[in-house]
Amino acid sequence: MPARDNFHSVMRIGPVQIGTHRDRNGRTTHAAVCTADRCGWSADYSSQSAAQLAARTHRCRVR
């Protein structure tokens, strides 16, 4: 049975969306994902402040 991946506490900083979810081991993680076309950047962080910092400093290389 696949794990459900429900995001909550979703926020947006520029083109990057940050969402909080539980990983396979039940730990709370924060995912930062760029929503710009053809960017494809995403990362998981253990704290929301780290995800917010990454979102603020992210620059899309695709133009």
PDB file of N, CA and C in Angstrom:
ATOM      1  N   MET A   1       0.848  -1.166   0.000  1.00  0.00           N
ATOM      2  CA  MET A   1       0.000   0.000   0.000  1.00  0.00           C
ATOM      3  C   MET A   1       0.900   1.238   0.000  1.00  0.00           C
ATOM      4  N   PRO A   2       0.733   2.158  -0.957  1.00  0.00           N
ATOM      5  CA  PRO A   2       1.567   3.353  -0.998  1.00  0.00           C
ATOM      6  C   PRO A   2       1.217   4.305   0.140  1.00  0.00           C
ATOM      7  N   ALA A   3       2.233   4.999   0.600  1.00  0.00           N
ATOM      8  CA  ALA A   3       2.030   5.969   1.686  1.00  0.00           C
ATOM      9  C   ALA A   3       1.293   7.192   1.146  1.00  0.00           C
ATOM     10  N   ARG A   4       0.396   7.727   1.948  1.00  0.00           N
ATOM     11  CA  ARG A   4      -0.292   8.952   1.563  1.00  0.00           C
ATOM     12  C   ARG A   4       0.643  10.126   1.806  1.00  0.00           C
ATOM     13  N   ASP A   5       0.680  11.040   0.889  1.00  0.00           N
ATOM     14  CA  ASP A   5       1.562  12.192   1.014  1.00  0.00           C
ATOM     15  C   ASP A   5       0.706  13.450   1.057  1.00  0.00           C
ATOM     16  N   ASN A   6       0.208  13.763   2.239  1.00  0.00           N
ATOM     17  CA  ASN A   6      -0.648  14.924   2.418  1.00  0.00           C
ATOM     18  C   ASN A   6       0.181  16.088   2.932  1.00  0.00           C
ATOM     19  N   PHE A   7       0.131  17.194   2.211  1.00  0.00           N
ATOM     20  CA  PHE A   7       0.852  18.384   2.626  1.00  0.00           C
ATOM     21  C   PHE A   7      -0.089  19.298   3.396  1.00  0.00           C
ATOM     22  N   HIS A   8       0.453  19.932   4.425  1.00  0.00           N
ATOM     23  CA  HIS A   8      -0.297  20.942   5.153  1.00  0.00           C
ATOM     24  C   HIS A   8       0.663  22.086   5.444  1.00  0.00           C
ATOM     25  N   SER A   9       0.168  23.177   5.934  1.00  0.00           N
ATOM     26  CA  SER A   9       0.972  24.381   6.184  1.00  0.00           C
ATOM     27  C   SER A   9       1.732  24.792   4.929  1.00  0.00           C
ATOM     28  N   VAL A  10       1.017  24.878   3.816  1.00  0.00           N
ATOM     29  CA  VAL A  10       1.640  25.240   2.545  1.00  0.00           C
ATOM     30  C   VAL A  10       1.770  26.756   2.471  1.00  0.00           C
ATOM     31  N   MET A  11       2.970  27.212   2.083  1.00  0.00           N
ATOM     32  CA  MET A  11       3.203  28.639   1.889  1.00  0.00           C
ATOM     33  C   MET A  11       3.978  28.839   0.595  1.00  0.00           C
ATOM     34  N   ARG A  12       3.961  30.049   0.097  1.00  0.00           N
ATOM     35  CA  ARG A  12       4.613  30.355  -1.162  1.00  0.00           C
ATOM     36  C   ARG A  12       5.558  31.533  -0.957  1.00  0.00           C
ATOM     37  N   ILE A  13       6.802  31.381  -1.431  1.00  0.00           N
ATOM     38  CA  ILE A  13       7.786  32.457  -1.426  1.00  0.00           C
ATOM     39  C   ILE A  13       8.304  32.570  -2.852  1.00  0.00           C
ATOM     40  N   GLY A  14       7.862  33.583  -3.563  1.00  0.00           N
ATOM     41  CA  GLY A  14       8.221  33.714  -4.977  1.00  0.00           C
ATOM     42  C   GLY A  14       7.655  32.541  -5.752  1.00  0.00           C
ATOM     43  N   PRO A  15       8.478  31.906  -6.594  1.00  0.00           N
ATOM     44  CA  PRO A  15       7.986  30.750  -7.352  1.00  0.00           C
ATOM     45  C   PRO A  15       8.067  29.442  -6.565  1.00  0.00           C
ATOM     46  N   VAL A  16       8.568  29.497  -5.333  1.00  0.00           N
ATOM     47  CA  VAL A  16       8.798  28.278  -4.538  1.00  0.00           C
ATOM     48  C   VAL A  16       7.659  28.065  -3.549  1.00  0.00           C
ATOM     49  N   GLN A  17       7.143  26.853  -3.509  1.00  0.00           N
ATOM     50  CA  GLN A  17       6.133  26.474  -2.534  1.00  0.00           C
ATOM     51  C   GLN A  17       6.779  25.585  -1.480  1.00  0.00           C
ATOM     52  N   ILE A  18       6.395  25.804  -0.223  1.00  0.00           N
ATOM     53  CA  ILE A  18       6.896  25.007   0.898  1.00  0.00           C
ATOM     54  C   ILE A  18       5.712  24.311   1.542  1.00  0.00           C
ATOM     55  N   GLY A  19       5.830  23.019   1.743  1.00  0.00           N
ATOM     56  CA  GLY A  19       4.763  22.251   2.370  1.00  0.00           C
ATOM     57  C   GLY A  19       5.321  21.311   3.427  1.00  0.00           C
ATOM     58  N   THR A  20       4.561  21.110   4.485  1.00  0.00           N
ATOM     59  CA  THR A  20       4.969  20.221   5.566  1.00  0.00           C
ATOM     60  C   THR A  20       4.258  18.882   5.391  1.00  0.00           C
ATOM     61  N   HIS A  21       4.993  17.794   5.568  1.00  0.00           N
ATOM     62  CA  HIS A  21       4.407  16.458   5.426  1.00  0.00           C
ATOM     63  C   HIS A  21       5.178  15.478   6.289  1.00  0.00           C
ATOM     64  N   ARG A  22       4.687  14.274   6.397  1.00  0.00           N
ATOM     65  CA  ARG A  22       5.373  13.208   7.131  1.00  0.00           C
ATOM     66  C   ARG A  22       6.017  12.268   6.118  1.00  0.00           C
ATOM     67  N   ASP A  23       7.274  11.900   6.380  1.00  0.00           N
ATOM     68  CA  ASP A  23       7.960  10.975   5.475  1.00  0.00           C
ATOM     69  C   ASP A  23       7.589   9.527   5.803  1.00  0.00           C
ATOM     70  N   ARG A  24       8.242   8.574   5.156  1.00  0.00           N
ATOM     71  CA  ARG A  24       7.913   7.152   5.345  1.00  0.00           C
ATOM     72  C   ARG A  24       8.121   6.679   6.771  1.00  0.00           C
ATOM     73  N   ASN A  25       9.043   7.319   7.483  1.00  0.00           N
ATOM     74  CA  ASN A  25       9.358   6.908   8.847  1.00  0.00           C
ATOM     75  C   ASN A  25       8.527   7.648   9.889  1.00  0.00           C
ATOM     76  N   GLY A  26       7.595   8.473   9.452  1.00  0.00           N
ATOM     77  CA  GLY A  26       6.727   9.186  10.375  1.00  0.00           C
ATOM     78  C   GLY A  26       7.284  10.498  10.880  1.00  0.00           C
ATOM     79  N   ARG A  27       8.454  10.905  10.380  1.00  0.00           N
ATOM     80  CA  ARG A  27       9.043  12.176  10.799  1.00  0.00           C
ATOM     81  C   ARG A  27       8.456  13.320   9.984  1.00  0.00           C
ATOM     82  N   THR A  28       8.321  14.468  10.616  1.00  0.00           N
ATOM     83  CA  THR A  28       7.821  15.651   9.922  1.00  0.00           C
ATOM     84  C   THR A  28       8.956  16.277   9.133  1.00  0.00           C
ATOM     85  N   THR A  29       8.749  16.469   7.838  1.00  0.00           N
ATOM     86  CA  THR A  29       9.738  17.119   6.981  1.00  0.00           C
ATOM     87  C   THR A  29       9.064  18.241   6.209  1.00  0.00           C
ATOM     88  N   HIS A  30       9.880  19.107   5.645  1.00  0.00           N
ATOM     89  CA  HIS A  30       9.396  20.274   4.916  1.00  0.00           C
ATOM     90  C   HIS A  30       9.983  20.220   3.514  1.00  0.00           C
ATOM     91  N   ALA A  31       9.124  20.237   2.528  1.00  0.00           N
ATOM     92  CA  ALA A  31       9.555  20.162   1.134  1.00  0.00           C
ATOM     93  C   ALA A  31       9.452  21.539   0.507  1.00  0.00           C
ATOM     94  N   ALA A  32      10.499  21.931  -0.213  1.00  0.00           N
ATOM     95  CA  ALA A  32      10.514  23.173  -0.971  1.00  0.00           C
ATOM     96  C   ALA A  32      10.585  22.791  -2.445  1.00  0.00           C
ATOM     97  N   VAL A  33       9.644  23.323  -3.255  1.00  0.00           N
ATOM     98  CA  VAL A  33       9.540  22.942  -4.660  1.00  0.00           C
ATOM     99  C   VAL A  33       9.348  24.192  -5.498  1.00  0.00           C
ATOM    100  N   CYS A  34      10.167  24.345  -6.559  1.00  0.00           N
ATOM    101  CA  CYS A  34      10.005  25.470  -7.469  1.00  0.00           C
ATOM    102  C   CYS A  34       8.922  25.125  -8.486  1.00  0.00           C
ATOM    103  N   THR A  35       7.991  26.050  -8.687  1.00  0.00           N
ATOM    104  CA  THR A  35       6.865  25.797  -9.583  1.00  0.00           C
ATOM    105  C   THR A  35       7.065  26.426 -10.955  1.00  0.00           C
ATOM    106  N   ALA A  36       8.252  26.997 -11.226  1.00  0.00           N
ATOM    107  CA  ALA A  36       8.516  27.587 -12.535  1.00  0.00           C
ATOM    108  C   ALA A  36       8.639  26.479 -13.587  1.00  0.00           C
ATOM    109  N   ASP A  37       8.245  26.805 -14.812  1.00  0.00           N
ATOM    110  CA  ASP A  37       8.314  25.833 -15.904  1.00  0.00           C
ATOM    111  C   ASP A  37       9.758  25.414 -16.149  1.00  0.00           C
ATOM    112  N   ARG A  38       9.983  24.120 -16.302  1.00  0.00           N
ATOM    113  CA  ARG A  38      11.259  23.491 -16.626  1.00  0.00           C
ATOM    114  C   ARG A  38      12.357  23.730 -15.600  1.00  0.00           C
ATOM    115  N   CYS A  39      12.031  24.147 -14.393  1.00  0.00           N
ATOM    116  CA  CYS A  39      13.065  24.333 -13.376  1.00  0.00           C
ATOM    117  C   CYS A  39      13.398  22.990 -12.729  1.00  0.00           C
ATOM    118  N   GLY A  40      12.411  22.331 -12.144  1.00  0.00           N
ATOM    119  CA  GLY A  40      12.609  21.002 -11.585  1.00  0.00           C
ATOM    120  C   GLY A  40      13.331  20.947 -10.251  1.00  0.00           C
ATOM    121  N   TRP A  41      13.532  22.071  -9.583  1.00  0.00           N
ATOM    122  CA  TRP A  41      14.246  22.075  -8.306  1.00  0.00           C
ATOM    123  C   TRP A  41      13.300  21.705  -7.172  1.00  0.00           C
ATOM    124  N   SER A  42      13.756  20.819  -6.291  1.00  0.00           N
ATOM    125  CA  SER A  42      13.014  20.478  -5.083  1.00  0.00           C
ATOM    126  C   SER A  42      13.996  19.921  -4.063  1.00  0.00           C
ATOM    127  N   ALA A  43      13.641  20.079  -2.786  1.00  0.00           N
ATOM    128  CA  ALA A  43      14.500  19.571  -1.712  1.00  0.00           C
ATOM    129  C   ALA A  43      13.667  19.376  -0.456  1.00  0.00           C
ATOM    130  N   ASP A  44      14.085  18.430   0.370  1.00  0.00           N
ATOM    131  CA  ASP A  44      13.451  18.181   1.669  1.00  0.00           C
ATOM    132  C   ASP A  44      14.359  18.703   2.775  1.00  0.00           C
ATOM    133  N   TYR A  45      13.743  19.280   3.800  1.00  0.00           N
ATOM    134  CA  TYR A  45      14.482  19.844   4.926  1.00  0.00           C
ATOM    135  C   TYR A  45      13.849  19.377   6.224  1.00  0.00           C
ATOM    136  N   SER A  46      14.653  19.346   7.277  1.00  0.00           N
ATOM    137  CA  SER A  46      14.145  18.896   8.571  1.00  0.00           C
ATOM    138  C   SER A  46      13.495  20.031   9.356  1.00  0.00           C
ATOM    139  N   SER A  47      13.774  21.282   8.993  1.00  0.00           N
ATOM    140  CA  SER A  47      13.150  22.419   9.680  1.00  0.00           C
ATOM    141  C   SER A  47      12.526  23.364   8.660  1.00  0.00           C
ATOM    142  N   GLN A  48      11.486  24.037   9.097  1.00  0.00           N
ATOM    143  CA  GLN A  48      10.792  24.949   8.200  1.00  0.00           C
ATOM    144  C   GLN A  48      11.640  26.188   7.914  1.00  0.00           C
ATOM    145  N   SER A  49      12.443  26.616   8.868  1.00  0.00           N
ATOM    146  CA  SER A  49      13.287  27.786   8.635  1.00  0.00           C
ATOM    147  C   SER A  49      14.342  27.506   7.561  1.00  0.00           C
ATOM    148  N   ALA A  50      14.852  26.286   7.507  1.00  0.00           N
ATOM    149  CA  ALA A  50      15.804  25.915   6.460  1.00  0.00           C
ATOM    150  C   ALA A  50      15.126  25.901   5.094  1.00  0.00           C
ATOM    151  N   ALA A  51      13.903  25.419   5.025  1.00  0.00           N
ATOM    152  CA  ALA A  51      13.161  25.413   3.767  1.00  0.00           C
ATOM    153  C   ALA A  51      12.842  26.837   3.312  1.00  0.00           C
ATOM    154  N   GLN A  52      12.512  27.716   4.254  1.00  0.00           N
ATOM    155  CA  GLN A  52      12.246  29.110   3.905  1.00  0.00           C
ATOM    156  C   GLN A  52      13.505  29.808   3.409  1.00  0.00           C
ATOM    157  N   LEU A  53      14.640  29.540   4.025  1.00  0.00           N
ATOM    158  CA  LEU A  53      15.901  30.122   3.576  1.00  0.00           C
ATOM    159  C   LEU A  53      16.236  29.655   2.168  1.00  0.00           C
ATOM    160  N   ALA A  54      16.045  28.372   1.900  1.00  0.00           N
ATOM    161  CA  ALA A  54      16.305  27.836   0.566  1.00  0.00           C
ATOM    162  C   ALA A  54      15.367  28.465  -0.462  1.00  0.00           C
ATOM    163  N   ALA A  55      14.120  28.692  -0.089  1.00  0.00           N
ATOM    164  CA  ALA A  55      13.160  29.301  -1.007  1.00  0.00           C
ATOM    165  C   ALA A  55      13.535  30.746  -1.307  1.00  0.00           C
ATOM    166  N   ARG A  56      14.005  31.457  -0.298  1.00  0.00           N
ATOM    167  CA  ARG A  56      14.378  32.858  -0.502  1.00  0.00           C
ATOM    168  C   ARG A  56      15.632  33.000  -1.349  1.00  0.00           C
ATOM    169  N   THR A  57      16.552  32.052  -1.290  1.00  0.00           N
ATOM    170  CA  THR A  57      17.805  32.154  -2.015  1.00  0.00           C
ATOM    171  C   THR A  57      17.797  31.390  -3.330  1.00  0.00           C
ATOM    172  N   HIS A  58      16.723  30.675  -3.669  1.00  0.00           N
ATOM    173  CA  HIS A  58      16.660  29.899  -4.903  1.00  0.00           C
ATOM    174  C   HIS A  58      16.579  30.812  -6.114  1.00  0.00           C
ATOM    175  N   ARG A  59      17.397  30.517  -7.101  1.00  0.00           N
ATOM    176  CA  ARG A  59      17.357  31.224  -8.375  1.00  0.00           C
ATOM    177  C   ARG A  59      17.233  30.193  -9.489  1.00  0.00           C
ATOM    178  N   CYS A  60      16.215  30.326 -10.307  1.00  0.00           N
ATOM    179  CA  CYS A  60      16.005  29.392 -11.413  1.00  0.00           C
ATOM    180  C   CYS A  60      17.077  29.629 -12.484  1.00  0.00           C
ATOM    181  N   ARG A  61      17.682  28.564 -12.941  1.00  0.00           N
ATOM    182  CA  ARG A  61      18.698  28.678 -13.986  1.00  0.00           C
ATOM    183  C   ARG A  61      18.068  28.660 -15.379  1.00  0.00           C
ATOM    184  N   VAL A  62      16.846  28.176 -15.500  1.00  0.00           N
ATOM    185  CA  VAL A  62      16.159  28.089 -16.789  1.00  0.00           C
ATOM    186  C   VAL A  62      15.531  29.435 -17.096  1.00  0.00           C
ATOM    187  N   ARG A  63      15.795  29.948 -18.240  1.00  0.00           N
ATOM    188  CA  ARG A  63      15.192  31.229 -18.665  1.00  0.00           C
ATOM    189  C   ARG A  63      14.497  31.057 -19.972  1.00  0.00           C
TER     190      ARG A  63
END
